[in-house]
N, C-alpha and C. Protein backbone atom coordinates (compact mmCIF):
# COMPACT_ATOMS: atom_id res chain seq x y z
N UNK A 1 -63.02 60.59 4.51
CA UNK A 1 -61.60 60.57 4.91
C UNK A 1 -60.78 61.42 3.94
N UNK A 2 -59.97 62.32 4.47
CA UNK A 2 -59.20 63.20 3.58
C UNK A 2 -58.06 62.40 2.94
N UNK A 3 -57.75 62.74 1.72
CA UNK A 3 -56.74 62.00 0.98
C UNK A 3 -55.34 62.48 1.37
N UNK A 4 -54.51 61.54 1.79
CA UNK A 4 -53.14 61.90 2.20
C UNK A 4 -52.35 62.50 1.04
N UNK A 5 -52.67 62.04 -0.19
CA UNK A 5 -51.86 62.53 -1.32
C UNK A 5 -52.15 64.00 -1.64
N UNK A 6 -53.28 64.52 -1.18
CA UNK A 6 -53.61 65.92 -1.45
C UNK A 6 -53.36 66.81 -0.24
N UNK A 7 -52.82 66.22 0.82
CA UNK A 7 -52.72 66.96 2.08
C UNK A 7 -51.54 67.93 2.09
N UNK A 8 -51.77 69.07 2.71
CA UNK A 8 -50.74 70.13 2.81
C UNK A 8 -49.47 69.62 3.49
N UNK A 9 -49.60 68.73 4.47
CA UNK A 9 -48.42 68.27 5.23
C UNK A 9 -47.44 67.59 4.28
N UNK A 10 -47.99 66.85 3.34
CA UNK A 10 -47.14 66.08 2.43
C UNK A 10 -46.25 67.00 1.59
N UNK A 11 -46.76 68.17 1.24
CA UNK A 11 -45.99 69.10 0.41
C UNK A 11 -44.74 69.58 1.14
N UNK A 12 -44.81 69.67 2.47
CA UNK A 12 -43.72 70.28 3.23
C UNK A 12 -42.82 69.29 3.96
N UNK A 13 -43.29 68.06 4.16
CA UNK A 13 -42.56 67.14 5.04
C UNK A 13 -41.99 65.95 4.27
N UNK A 14 -41.37 65.06 5.04
CA UNK A 14 -40.75 63.84 4.48
C UNK A 14 -41.76 62.97 3.72
N UNK A 15 -43.06 63.18 4.03
CA UNK A 15 -44.09 62.33 3.41
C UNK A 15 -44.15 62.50 1.89
N UNK A 16 -43.53 63.59 1.38
CA UNK A 16 -43.55 63.80 -0.09
C UNK A 16 -42.77 62.69 -0.82
N UNK A 17 -41.93 61.95 -0.07
CA UNK A 17 -41.14 60.88 -0.68
C UNK A 17 -41.90 59.56 -0.81
N UNK A 18 -43.13 59.52 -0.28
CA UNK A 18 -43.90 58.27 -0.36
C UNK A 18 -44.62 58.17 -1.71
N UNK A 19 -44.73 56.94 -2.22
CA UNK A 19 -45.43 56.76 -3.49
C UNK A 19 -46.94 56.60 -3.24
N UNK A 20 -47.68 56.49 -4.35
CA UNK A 20 -49.15 56.49 -4.26
C UNK A 20 -49.68 55.35 -3.39
N UNK A 21 -49.13 54.16 -3.58
CA UNK A 21 -49.60 53.00 -2.80
C UNK A 21 -49.34 53.22 -1.30
N UNK A 22 -48.18 53.77 -1.01
CA UNK A 22 -47.82 54.01 0.40
C UNK A 22 -48.75 55.07 1.00
N UNK A 23 -49.10 56.06 0.20
CA UNK A 23 -50.00 57.11 0.70
C UNK A 23 -51.41 56.57 0.95
N UNK A 24 -51.84 55.64 0.12
CA UNK A 24 -53.15 55.01 0.32
C UNK A 24 -53.14 54.19 1.61
N UNK A 25 -52.02 53.52 1.84
CA UNK A 25 -51.84 52.74 3.06
C UNK A 25 -51.88 53.67 4.28
N UNK A 26 -51.24 54.82 4.11
CA UNK A 26 -51.19 55.83 5.16
C UNK A 26 -52.60 56.30 5.51
N UNK A 27 -53.39 56.57 4.47
CA UNK A 27 -54.75 57.06 4.67
C UNK A 27 -55.60 56.04 5.43
N UNK A 28 -55.32 54.76 5.22
CA UNK A 28 -56.09 53.71 5.88
C UNK A 28 -55.76 53.58 7.37
N UNK A 29 -54.49 53.88 7.73
CA UNK A 29 -54.09 53.59 9.12
C UNK A 29 -54.09 54.83 10.00
N UNK A 30 -54.26 56.01 9.42
CA UNK A 30 -54.17 57.22 10.25
C UNK A 30 -55.46 57.48 11.02
N UNK A 31 -55.34 58.18 12.12
CA UNK A 31 -56.53 58.67 12.82
C UNK A 31 -56.43 60.18 12.89
N UNK A 32 -57.54 60.84 12.61
CA UNK A 32 -57.55 62.31 12.59
C UNK A 32 -58.15 62.81 13.90
N UNK A 33 -57.50 63.82 14.47
CA UNK A 33 -57.96 64.35 15.76
C UNK A 33 -58.06 65.87 15.71
N UNK A 34 -59.02 66.39 16.47
CA UNK A 34 -59.08 67.83 16.70
C UNK A 34 -58.57 68.07 18.11
N UNK A 35 -57.60 68.96 18.23
CA UNK A 35 -57.03 69.26 19.55
C UNK A 35 -57.34 70.71 19.89
N UNK A 36 -57.97 70.92 21.02
CA UNK A 36 -58.38 72.27 21.42
C UNK A 36 -57.21 73.06 21.97
N UNK A 37 -57.30 74.38 21.84
CA UNK A 37 -56.28 75.29 22.37
C UNK A 37 -56.00 74.95 23.84
N UNK A 38 -54.71 74.81 24.19
CA UNK A 38 -54.33 74.52 25.57
C UNK A 38 -54.24 73.03 25.88
N UNK A 39 -54.75 72.19 24.97
CA UNK A 39 -54.68 70.73 25.21
C UNK A 39 -53.28 70.21 24.94
N UNK A 40 -52.90 69.17 25.67
CA UNK A 40 -51.59 68.54 25.50
C UNK A 40 -51.70 67.46 24.41
N UNK A 41 -50.75 67.48 23.46
CA UNK A 41 -50.72 66.44 22.41
C UNK A 41 -49.94 65.25 22.95
N UNK A 42 -48.76 65.52 23.51
CA UNK A 42 -48.02 64.50 24.25
C UNK A 42 -47.15 65.19 25.29
N UNK A 43 -46.76 64.42 26.31
CA UNK A 43 -45.96 64.98 27.41
C UNK A 43 -44.56 64.40 27.41
N UNK A 44 -43.62 65.22 27.84
CA UNK A 44 -42.22 64.81 27.98
C UNK A 44 -42.15 63.48 28.73
N UNK A 45 -41.39 62.52 28.19
CA UNK A 45 -41.25 61.22 28.86
C UNK A 45 -42.25 60.18 28.40
N UNK A 46 -43.19 60.61 27.55
CA UNK A 46 -44.23 59.68 27.06
C UNK A 46 -43.70 58.88 25.87
N UNK A 47 -44.20 57.65 25.71
CA UNK A 47 -43.90 56.88 24.49
C UNK A 47 -45.00 57.19 23.48
N UNK A 48 -44.63 57.86 22.41
CA UNK A 48 -45.65 58.34 21.48
C UNK A 48 -46.06 57.27 20.47
N UNK A 49 -45.11 56.42 20.07
CA UNK A 49 -45.40 55.29 19.16
C UNK A 49 -46.00 55.68 17.82
N UNK A 50 -45.52 56.78 17.27
CA UNK A 50 -45.98 57.18 15.96
C UNK A 50 -45.62 58.63 15.70
N UNK A 51 -46.13 59.17 14.59
CA UNK A 51 -45.89 60.59 14.32
C UNK A 51 -47.22 61.32 14.12
N UNK A 52 -47.19 62.59 14.44
CA UNK A 52 -48.35 63.46 14.22
C UNK A 52 -48.06 64.36 13.02
N UNK A 53 -49.01 64.43 12.11
CA UNK A 53 -48.93 65.37 10.98
C UNK A 53 -49.84 66.55 11.33
N UNK A 54 -49.30 67.75 11.30
CA UNK A 54 -50.12 68.92 11.65
C UNK A 54 -50.79 69.47 10.40
N UNK A 55 -52.10 69.29 10.32
CA UNK A 55 -52.86 69.79 9.16
C UNK A 55 -53.22 71.25 9.33
N UNK A 56 -53.44 71.64 10.58
CA UNK A 56 -53.83 73.03 10.85
C UNK A 56 -53.52 73.37 12.30
N UNK A 57 -53.12 74.63 12.52
CA UNK A 57 -52.87 75.08 13.89
C UNK A 57 -51.39 75.11 14.24
N UNK A 58 -51.10 75.60 15.43
CA UNK A 58 -49.72 75.76 15.91
C UNK A 58 -49.63 75.19 17.32
N UNK A 59 -48.50 74.53 17.61
CA UNK A 59 -48.29 74.06 18.98
C UNK A 59 -46.92 74.51 19.46
N UNK A 60 -46.77 74.52 20.78
CA UNK A 60 -45.46 74.84 21.35
C UNK A 60 -44.83 73.55 21.86
N UNK A 61 -43.52 73.43 21.68
CA UNK A 61 -42.78 72.32 22.24
C UNK A 61 -42.04 72.85 23.46
N UNK A 62 -42.28 72.24 24.61
CA UNK A 62 -41.69 72.76 25.85
C UNK A 62 -40.88 71.69 26.57
N UNK A 63 -39.92 72.19 27.36
CA UNK A 63 -39.09 71.31 28.17
C UNK A 63 -39.18 71.79 29.61
N UNK A 64 -39.33 70.86 30.52
CA UNK A 64 -39.42 71.22 31.94
C UNK A 64 -38.00 71.45 32.46
N UNK A 65 -37.75 72.66 32.99
CA UNK A 65 -36.41 72.95 33.52
C UNK A 65 -36.33 72.46 34.96
N UNK A 66 -35.11 72.34 35.51
CA UNK A 66 -34.96 71.81 36.88
C UNK A 66 -35.77 72.59 37.93
N UNK A 67 -36.01 73.89 37.69
CA UNK A 67 -36.78 74.66 38.68
C UNK A 67 -38.30 74.50 38.51
N UNK A 68 -38.69 73.57 37.61
CA UNK A 68 -40.11 73.26 37.47
C UNK A 68 -40.87 74.16 36.52
N UNK A 69 -40.15 75.05 35.82
CA UNK A 69 -40.82 75.93 34.85
C UNK A 69 -40.72 75.35 33.45
N UNK A 70 -41.77 75.56 32.67
CA UNK A 70 -41.75 75.13 31.27
C UNK A 70 -40.95 76.11 30.44
N UNK A 71 -40.03 75.60 29.64
CA UNK A 71 -39.28 76.47 28.74
C UNK A 71 -39.69 76.14 27.31
N UNK A 72 -40.13 77.15 26.55
CA UNK A 72 -40.54 76.89 25.16
C UNK A 72 -39.30 76.74 24.28
N UNK A 73 -39.17 75.58 23.66
CA UNK A 73 -38.01 75.27 22.82
C UNK A 73 -38.26 75.74 21.39
N UNK A 74 -39.45 75.48 20.87
CA UNK A 74 -39.78 75.97 19.53
C UNK A 74 -41.29 75.89 19.31
N UNK A 75 -41.73 76.54 18.25
CA UNK A 75 -43.14 76.47 17.85
C UNK A 75 -43.22 75.67 16.56
N UNK A 76 -44.26 74.89 16.42
CA UNK A 76 -44.42 74.04 15.24
C UNK A 76 -45.78 74.31 14.60
N UNK A 77 -45.78 74.53 13.29
CA UNK A 77 -47.02 74.93 12.60
C UNK A 77 -47.46 73.89 11.58
N UNK A 78 -48.55 74.20 10.90
CA UNK A 78 -49.11 73.24 9.92
C UNK A 78 -48.09 72.93 8.83
N UNK A 79 -48.16 71.70 8.36
CA UNK A 79 -47.21 71.27 7.34
C UNK A 79 -46.03 70.52 7.93
N UNK A 80 -45.95 70.48 9.27
CA UNK A 80 -44.80 69.81 9.90
C UNK A 80 -45.22 68.52 10.59
N UNK A 81 -44.20 67.73 10.92
CA UNK A 81 -44.43 66.47 11.63
C UNK A 81 -43.91 66.58 13.06
N UNK A 82 -44.56 65.86 13.95
CA UNK A 82 -44.13 65.81 15.35
C UNK A 82 -43.82 64.37 15.73
N UNK A 83 -42.73 64.19 16.47
CA UNK A 83 -42.45 62.86 17.03
C UNK A 83 -41.56 61.99 16.19
N UNK A 84 -41.01 62.53 15.07
CA UNK A 84 -40.22 61.63 14.21
C UNK A 84 -38.89 61.24 14.85
N UNK A 85 -38.30 62.16 15.65
CA UNK A 85 -37.00 61.84 16.23
C UNK A 85 -37.12 60.72 17.27
N UNK A 86 -38.12 60.81 18.16
CA UNK A 86 -38.24 59.77 19.19
C UNK A 86 -38.67 58.44 18.58
N UNK A 87 -39.36 58.52 17.43
CA UNK A 87 -39.77 57.28 16.75
C UNK A 87 -38.53 56.55 16.22
N UNK A 88 -37.59 57.32 15.65
CA UNK A 88 -36.38 56.71 15.09
C UNK A 88 -35.45 56.23 16.21
N UNK A 89 -35.29 57.06 17.24
CA UNK A 89 -34.36 56.70 18.33
C UNK A 89 -34.98 55.66 19.27
N UNK A 90 -36.28 55.42 19.11
CA UNK A 90 -36.99 54.44 19.94
C UNK A 90 -36.92 54.81 21.42
N UNK A 91 -37.06 56.09 21.68
CA UNK A 91 -37.02 56.60 23.06
C UNK A 91 -38.28 57.41 23.33
N UNK A 92 -38.60 57.63 24.60
CA UNK A 92 -39.72 58.52 24.91
C UNK A 92 -39.43 59.94 24.40
N UNK A 93 -40.47 60.72 24.14
CA UNK A 93 -40.25 62.08 23.66
C UNK A 93 -39.59 62.92 24.75
N UNK A 94 -38.68 63.82 24.33
CA UNK A 94 -37.97 64.62 25.35
C UNK A 94 -38.57 66.02 25.50
N UNK A 95 -39.69 66.27 24.79
CA UNK A 95 -40.38 67.55 24.90
C UNK A 95 -41.88 67.30 25.03
N UNK A 96 -42.59 68.27 25.58
CA UNK A 96 -44.07 68.20 25.57
C UNK A 96 -44.58 69.06 24.43
N UNK A 97 -45.72 68.69 23.87
CA UNK A 97 -46.35 69.48 22.80
C UNK A 97 -47.74 69.91 23.27
N UNK A 98 -47.98 71.22 23.23
CA UNK A 98 -49.26 71.78 23.69
C UNK A 98 -49.81 72.71 22.61
N UNK A 99 -51.10 72.58 22.32
CA UNK A 99 -51.73 73.39 21.27
C UNK A 99 -51.84 74.86 21.70
N UNK A 100 -51.37 75.77 20.84
CA UNK A 100 -51.50 77.21 21.10
C UNK A 100 -52.81 77.75 20.53
N UNK A 101 -53.41 76.97 19.65
CA UNK A 101 -54.72 77.31 19.08
C UNK A 101 -55.37 75.99 18.70
N UNK A 102 -56.62 76.01 18.28
CA UNK A 102 -57.27 74.76 17.87
C UNK A 102 -56.49 74.14 16.71
N UNK A 103 -56.30 72.84 16.78
CA UNK A 103 -55.48 72.16 15.77
C UNK A 103 -56.20 70.96 15.18
N UNK A 104 -55.83 70.64 13.93
CA UNK A 104 -56.25 69.38 13.32
C UNK A 104 -54.97 68.60 13.03
N UNK A 105 -54.89 67.40 13.58
CA UNK A 105 -53.70 66.58 13.36
C UNK A 105 -54.12 65.17 12.96
N UNK A 106 -53.20 64.49 12.25
CA UNK A 106 -53.40 63.07 11.97
C UNK A 106 -52.29 62.30 12.66
N UNK A 107 -52.68 61.18 13.26
CA UNK A 107 -51.68 60.33 13.93
C UNK A 107 -51.45 59.09 13.08
N UNK A 108 -50.16 58.80 12.82
CA UNK A 108 -49.81 57.60 12.04
C UNK A 108 -48.98 56.68 12.94
N UNK A 109 -49.44 55.45 13.14
CA UNK A 109 -48.72 54.53 14.05
C UNK A 109 -47.30 54.23 13.55
N UNK A 110 -46.43 54.04 14.50
CA UNK A 110 -45.01 53.79 14.23
C UNK A 110 -44.80 52.57 13.33
N UNK A 111 -45.58 51.51 13.57
CA UNK A 111 -45.41 50.28 12.78
C UNK A 111 -45.51 50.56 11.29
N UNK A 112 -46.49 51.41 10.92
CA UNK A 112 -46.67 51.74 9.50
C UNK A 112 -45.50 52.56 8.97
N UNK A 113 -45.11 53.60 9.72
CA UNK A 113 -44.05 54.49 9.25
C UNK A 113 -42.73 53.73 9.11
N UNK A 114 -42.43 52.86 10.07
CA UNK A 114 -41.18 52.11 10.00
C UNK A 114 -41.19 51.13 8.83
N UNK A 115 -42.37 50.70 8.44
CA UNK A 115 -42.49 49.85 7.24
C UNK A 115 -42.04 50.62 6.00
N UNK A 116 -42.45 51.88 5.90
CA UNK A 116 -42.02 52.72 4.76
C UNK A 116 -40.51 52.94 4.83
N UNK A 117 -40.03 53.05 6.05
CA UNK A 117 -38.60 53.30 6.29
C UNK A 117 -37.76 52.17 5.72
N UNK A 118 -38.24 50.94 5.93
CA UNK A 118 -37.49 49.77 5.46
C UNK A 118 -37.51 49.64 3.93
N UNK A 119 -38.63 50.06 3.32
CA UNK A 119 -38.79 49.80 1.89
C UNK A 119 -38.46 50.99 0.98
N UNK A 120 -38.55 52.21 1.52
CA UNK A 120 -38.40 53.39 0.67
C UNK A 120 -37.19 54.21 1.12
N UNK A 121 -36.11 54.03 0.37
CA UNK A 121 -34.84 54.67 0.73
C UNK A 121 -34.93 56.19 0.71
N UNK A 122 -35.68 56.70 -0.26
CA UNK A 122 -35.83 58.16 -0.39
C UNK A 122 -36.54 58.75 0.84
N UNK A 123 -37.52 58.01 1.33
CA UNK A 123 -38.27 58.46 2.51
C UNK A 123 -37.35 58.48 3.74
N UNK A 124 -36.58 57.40 3.94
CA UNK A 124 -35.72 57.35 5.13
C UNK A 124 -34.66 58.46 5.07
N UNK A 125 -34.13 58.74 3.87
CA UNK A 125 -33.16 59.84 3.72
C UNK A 125 -33.82 61.18 4.05
N UNK A 126 -35.04 61.34 3.58
CA UNK A 126 -35.78 62.59 3.79
C UNK A 126 -36.04 62.85 5.28
N UNK A 127 -36.40 61.79 6.01
CA UNK A 127 -36.64 61.92 7.45
C UNK A 127 -35.33 62.29 8.16
N UNK A 128 -34.23 61.62 7.77
CA UNK A 128 -32.93 61.90 8.38
C UNK A 128 -32.51 63.35 8.14
N UNK A 129 -32.70 63.81 6.90
CA UNK A 129 -32.34 65.20 6.55
C UNK A 129 -33.15 66.18 7.38
N UNK A 130 -34.42 65.86 7.57
CA UNK A 130 -35.31 66.73 8.35
C UNK A 130 -34.84 66.81 9.80
N UNK A 131 -34.46 65.67 10.38
CA UNK A 131 -33.98 65.66 11.77
C UNK A 131 -32.65 66.41 11.88
N UNK A 132 -31.77 66.22 10.89
CA UNK A 132 -30.48 66.94 10.88
C UNK A 132 -30.72 68.45 10.77
N UNK A 133 -31.70 68.83 9.95
CA UNK A 133 -32.03 70.25 9.79
C UNK A 133 -32.52 70.85 11.10
N UNK A 134 -33.36 70.09 11.83
CA UNK A 134 -33.85 70.54 13.14
C UNK A 134 -32.70 70.75 14.12
N UNK A 135 -31.74 69.81 14.10
CA UNK A 135 -30.59 69.92 15.01
C UNK A 135 -29.74 71.13 14.67
N UNK A 136 -29.54 71.36 13.37
CA UNK A 136 -28.74 72.51 12.93
C UNK A 136 -29.41 73.81 13.38
N UNK A 137 -30.74 73.89 13.16
CA UNK A 137 -31.49 75.09 13.57
C UNK A 137 -31.37 75.31 15.08
N UNK A 138 -31.48 74.21 15.83
CA UNK A 138 -31.40 74.31 17.30
C UNK A 138 -30.02 74.81 17.72
N UNK A 139 -28.97 74.29 17.07
CA UNK A 139 -27.60 74.73 17.38
C UNK A 139 -27.42 76.21 17.08
N UNK A 140 -27.87 76.61 15.87
CA UNK A 140 -27.73 78.02 15.45
C UNK A 140 -28.45 78.95 16.42
N UNK A 141 -29.68 78.54 16.78
CA UNK A 141 -30.49 79.38 17.67
C UNK A 141 -29.84 79.48 19.06
N UNK A 142 -29.33 78.35 19.55
CA UNK A 142 -28.73 78.34 20.89
C UNK A 142 -27.52 79.28 20.93
N UNK A 143 -26.66 79.19 19.93
CA UNK A 143 -25.47 80.05 19.88
C UNK A 143 -25.87 81.51 19.73
N UNK A 144 -26.84 81.74 18.84
CA UNK A 144 -27.31 83.10 18.58
C UNK A 144 -27.87 83.75 19.85
N UNK A 145 -28.76 83.02 20.53
CA UNK A 145 -29.41 83.58 21.71
C UNK A 145 -28.46 83.69 22.91
N UNK A 146 -27.50 82.75 23.00
CA UNK A 146 -26.58 82.76 24.14
C UNK A 146 -25.71 84.02 24.14
N UNK A 147 -25.47 84.57 22.96
CA UNK A 147 -24.59 85.74 22.86
C UNK A 147 -25.35 87.06 22.92
N UNK A 148 -26.65 86.99 23.10
CA UNK A 148 -27.47 88.20 23.08
C UNK A 148 -27.97 88.55 24.48
N UNK A 149 -28.19 89.83 24.72
CA UNK A 149 -28.84 90.21 25.98
C UNK A 149 -30.36 90.05 25.82
N UNK A 150 -31.09 90.21 26.90
CA UNK A 150 -32.52 89.89 26.89
C UNK A 150 -33.31 90.82 25.95
N UNK A 151 -32.89 92.06 25.81
CA UNK A 151 -33.55 93.01 24.89
C UNK A 151 -33.41 92.53 23.44
N UNK A 152 -32.18 92.09 23.11
CA UNK A 152 -31.92 91.59 21.76
C UNK A 152 -32.71 90.30 21.50
N UNK A 153 -32.80 89.46 22.56
CA UNK A 153 -33.53 88.19 22.41
C UNK A 153 -35.01 88.43 22.16
N UNK A 154 -35.56 89.46 22.81
CA UNK A 154 -36.98 89.79 22.58
C UNK A 154 -37.18 90.25 21.14
N UNK A 155 -36.27 91.08 20.65
CA UNK A 155 -36.37 91.57 19.27
C UNK A 155 -36.31 90.39 18.29
N UNK A 156 -35.37 89.47 18.52
CA UNK A 156 -35.22 88.28 17.66
C UNK A 156 -36.51 87.46 17.67
N UNK A 157 -37.07 87.26 18.85
CA UNK A 157 -38.28 86.43 18.99
C UNK A 157 -39.49 87.07 18.31
N UNK A 158 -39.66 88.37 18.49
CA UNK A 158 -40.79 89.07 17.84
C UNK A 158 -40.67 89.00 16.33
N UNK A 159 -39.44 89.15 15.82
CA UNK A 159 -39.22 89.06 14.35
C UNK A 159 -39.47 87.63 13.86
N UNK A 160 -39.06 86.65 14.67
CA UNK A 160 -39.28 85.24 14.32
C UNK A 160 -40.79 84.95 14.22
N UNK A 161 -41.57 85.45 15.18
CA UNK A 161 -43.02 85.23 15.17
C UNK A 161 -43.65 85.89 13.95
N UNK A 162 -43.15 87.06 13.61
CA UNK A 162 -43.67 87.82 12.46
C UNK A 162 -43.31 87.13 11.15
N UNK A 163 -42.03 86.76 11.01
CA UNK A 163 -41.55 86.19 9.74
C UNK A 163 -42.05 84.77 9.51
N UNK A 164 -42.21 84.01 10.59
CA UNK A 164 -42.60 82.60 10.44
C UNK A 164 -44.10 82.40 10.34
N UNK A 165 -44.86 83.15 11.12
CA UNK A 165 -46.30 82.89 11.21
C UNK A 165 -47.17 84.01 10.67
N UNK A 166 -46.55 85.17 10.38
CA UNK A 166 -47.31 86.26 9.77
C UNK A 166 -48.17 87.05 10.75
N UNK A 167 -49.05 87.87 10.16
CA UNK A 167 -49.88 88.75 11.01
C UNK A 167 -51.34 88.69 10.59
N UNK A 168 -52.21 89.17 11.48
CA UNK A 168 -53.65 89.22 11.22
C UNK A 168 -53.96 90.47 10.39
N UNK A 169 -55.24 90.61 10.01
CA UNK A 169 -55.64 91.77 9.20
C UNK A 169 -55.43 93.09 9.94
N UNK A 170 -55.51 93.05 11.28
CA UNK A 170 -55.30 94.28 12.05
C UNK A 170 -53.81 94.51 12.37
N UNK A 171 -52.94 93.76 11.64
CA UNK A 171 -51.47 93.88 11.78
C UNK A 171 -50.89 93.28 13.06
N UNK A 172 -51.75 92.72 13.93
CA UNK A 172 -51.21 92.08 15.14
C UNK A 172 -50.57 90.74 14.75
N UNK A 173 -49.60 90.31 15.53
CA UNK A 173 -48.94 89.02 15.27
C UNK A 173 -49.96 87.89 15.32
N UNK A 174 -49.90 87.00 14.34
CA UNK A 174 -50.88 85.91 14.25
C UNK A 174 -50.77 84.97 15.45
N UNK A 175 -49.53 84.66 15.84
CA UNK A 175 -49.35 83.80 17.01
C UNK A 175 -49.40 84.67 18.25
N UNK A 176 -50.44 84.44 19.04
CA UNK A 176 -50.62 85.26 20.24
C UNK A 176 -50.13 84.48 21.46
N UNK A 177 -48.94 84.82 21.91
CA UNK A 177 -48.38 84.17 23.09
C UNK A 177 -48.74 84.96 24.33
N UNK A 178 -48.93 84.26 25.44
CA UNK A 178 -49.14 84.97 26.71
C UNK A 178 -47.81 85.60 27.11
N UNK A 179 -47.84 86.53 28.05
CA UNK A 179 -46.59 87.15 28.52
C UNK A 179 -45.67 86.09 29.13
N UNK A 180 -46.27 85.11 29.81
CA UNK A 180 -45.49 83.99 30.39
C UNK A 180 -44.75 83.22 29.30
N UNK A 181 -45.49 82.93 28.20
CA UNK A 181 -44.90 82.15 27.11
C UNK A 181 -43.79 82.92 26.41
N UNK A 182 -44.02 84.21 26.21
CA UNK A 182 -43.01 85.06 25.58
C UNK A 182 -41.75 85.12 26.46
N UNK A 183 -41.96 85.29 27.77
CA UNK A 183 -40.85 85.33 28.71
C UNK A 183 -40.07 84.01 28.67
N UNK A 184 -40.81 82.90 28.56
CA UNK A 184 -40.19 81.58 28.50
C UNK A 184 -39.34 81.42 27.24
N UNK A 185 -39.80 82.00 26.14
CA UNK A 185 -39.05 81.91 24.88
C UNK A 185 -37.75 82.71 24.93
N UNK A 186 -37.77 83.85 25.62
CA UNK A 186 -36.56 84.68 25.64
C UNK A 186 -35.70 84.42 26.88
N UNK A 187 -36.20 83.54 27.76
CA UNK A 187 -35.40 83.14 28.91
C UNK A 187 -35.30 84.22 29.97
N UNK A 188 -36.43 84.77 30.35
CA UNK A 188 -36.42 85.78 31.42
C UNK A 188 -37.68 85.65 32.27
N UNK A 189 -37.75 86.42 33.34
CA UNK A 189 -38.95 86.39 34.20
C UNK A 189 -40.08 87.14 33.51
N UNK A 190 -41.32 86.77 33.82
CA UNK A 190 -42.49 87.40 33.19
C UNK A 190 -42.49 88.92 33.44
N UNK A 191 -42.15 89.34 34.66
CA UNK A 191 -42.15 90.78 34.99
C UNK A 191 -41.17 91.53 34.08
N UNK A 192 -39.98 90.94 33.86
CA UNK A 192 -38.97 91.57 32.99
C UNK A 192 -39.48 91.68 31.57
N UNK A 193 -40.17 90.63 31.12
CA UNK A 193 -40.71 90.62 29.75
C UNK A 193 -41.75 91.73 29.59
N UNK A 194 -42.63 91.89 30.58
CA UNK A 194 -43.67 92.93 30.54
C UNK A 194 -43.01 94.32 30.50
N UNK A 195 -41.95 94.48 31.31
CA UNK A 195 -41.23 95.75 31.35
C UNK A 195 -40.56 96.06 30.00
N UNK A 196 -39.96 95.03 29.40
CA UNK A 196 -39.29 95.19 28.11
C UNK A 196 -40.27 95.57 27.00
N UNK A 197 -41.44 94.92 27.02
CA UNK A 197 -42.48 95.24 26.02
C UNK A 197 -42.90 96.69 26.16
N UNK A 198 -43.00 97.14 27.39
CA UNK A 198 -43.37 98.53 27.66
C UNK A 198 -42.27 99.48 27.13
N UNK A 199 -41.00 99.10 27.34
CA UNK A 199 -39.87 99.89 26.80
C UNK A 199 -39.92 99.94 25.28
N UNK A 200 -40.17 98.78 24.67
CA UNK A 200 -40.24 98.71 23.19
C UNK A 200 -41.36 99.62 22.67
N UNK A 201 -42.46 99.65 23.44
CA UNK A 201 -43.60 100.49 23.04
C UNK A 201 -43.20 101.98 23.10
N UNK A 202 -42.52 102.37 24.17
CA UNK A 202 -42.09 103.77 24.32
C UNK A 202 -41.13 104.17 23.20
N UNK A 203 -40.31 103.21 22.76
CA UNK A 203 -39.34 103.47 21.69
C UNK A 203 -39.98 103.47 20.30
N UNK A 204 -41.29 103.14 20.26
CA UNK A 204 -42.00 103.12 18.97
C UNK A 204 -41.73 101.88 18.13
N UNK A 205 -41.17 100.84 18.77
CA UNK A 205 -40.86 99.61 18.04
C UNK A 205 -42.10 98.73 17.86
N UNK A 206 -42.96 98.76 18.87
CA UNK A 206 -44.18 97.94 18.84
C UNK A 206 -45.37 98.74 19.36
N UNK A 207 -46.55 98.18 19.11
CA UNK A 207 -47.77 98.74 19.70
C UNK A 207 -48.46 97.58 20.42
N UNK A 208 -49.04 97.85 21.56
CA UNK A 208 -49.74 96.79 22.31
C UNK A 208 -51.24 97.05 22.29
N UNK A 209 -51.98 96.04 21.79
CA UNK A 209 -53.44 96.15 21.78
C UNK A 209 -53.96 95.03 22.67
N UNK A 210 -54.19 95.36 23.93
CA UNK A 210 -54.53 94.31 24.91
C UNK A 210 -53.34 93.38 25.03
N UNK A 211 -53.59 92.10 24.78
CA UNK A 211 -52.50 91.12 24.83
C UNK A 211 -51.80 90.99 23.48
N UNK A 212 -52.36 91.63 22.48
CA UNK A 212 -51.81 91.47 21.13
C UNK A 212 -50.67 92.45 20.87
N UNK A 213 -49.78 92.07 19.95
CA UNK A 213 -48.60 92.88 19.64
C UNK A 213 -48.56 93.21 18.15
N UNK A 214 -48.29 94.49 17.85
CA UNK A 214 -48.07 94.93 16.46
C UNK A 214 -46.63 95.38 16.35
N UNK A 215 -45.92 94.90 15.33
CA UNK A 215 -44.55 95.38 15.09
C UNK A 215 -44.63 96.67 14.27
N UNK A 216 -44.20 97.77 14.85
CA UNK A 216 -44.34 99.08 14.21
C UNK A 216 -43.10 99.46 13.38
N UNK A 217 -41.92 99.05 13.86
CA UNK A 217 -40.69 99.44 13.17
C UNK A 217 -39.77 98.22 13.03
N UNK A 218 -40.01 97.48 11.95
CA UNK A 218 -39.29 96.22 11.73
C UNK A 218 -37.80 96.49 11.50
N UNK A 219 -37.48 97.57 10.79
CA UNK A 219 -36.07 97.89 10.51
C UNK A 219 -35.30 98.11 11.81
N UNK A 220 -35.90 98.85 12.73
CA UNK A 220 -35.22 99.12 14.02
C UNK A 220 -35.11 97.84 14.86
N UNK A 221 -36.16 97.02 14.81
CA UNK A 221 -36.11 95.75 15.54
C UNK A 221 -34.98 94.86 15.00
N UNK A 222 -34.82 94.86 13.66
CA UNK A 222 -33.76 94.05 13.04
C UNK A 222 -32.39 94.57 13.47
N UNK A 223 -32.27 95.87 13.54
CA UNK A 223 -30.99 96.48 13.96
C UNK A 223 -30.67 96.08 15.41
N UNK A 224 -31.71 96.09 16.23
CA UNK A 224 -31.55 95.72 17.64
C UNK A 224 -31.19 94.24 17.78
N UNK A 225 -31.75 93.43 16.88
CA UNK A 225 -31.54 91.96 16.95
C UNK A 225 -30.15 91.54 16.48
N UNK A 226 -29.48 92.38 15.72
CA UNK A 226 -28.18 92.02 15.14
C UNK A 226 -27.08 91.86 16.19
């Protein structure tokens, strides 16, 4: 069993506020799962009854729009927690989480986490700050994207993927989204997204290697995103 006190998630998340005894308790009650690429971790409307700690891998959080299409709200990577907001509000999750690559996660039941909440003031403050930070980011992003045209939104999204998740040795973006997923992130039709990528390629902003994307001119992309 991996030790919670040495885990990468703890360094980045609210769990860093737990003391040694609490972490030992955590290690006893958690279950570790491997989730394959494309598998659903939880679905919108589900009662999750705990939190997921992402040890490795990336997932997308999606919301079903009224026209029945999935809209990608954000991407979540290793070191982060999933499900803390619905656990605190005691409501079903309002987003679905789907693995974009193979993932290793640990699930901690709500009963245990809420126990820490009652006894450890620093932990409860840390969780609240994290949720407030998520809301602030969501507000900033919504305002930012609402004022941009689709070309600017694509530039912003490509830079976000590059800056947040990095690139492979061949310079391609580490997070490989399908054209559908990319279109969903920028709020346009898949055909428009494919056309825009082709335009970006002609302008020398990106290079396309099959489904993979290389950012060729980051300075110009930043200028376009402004």
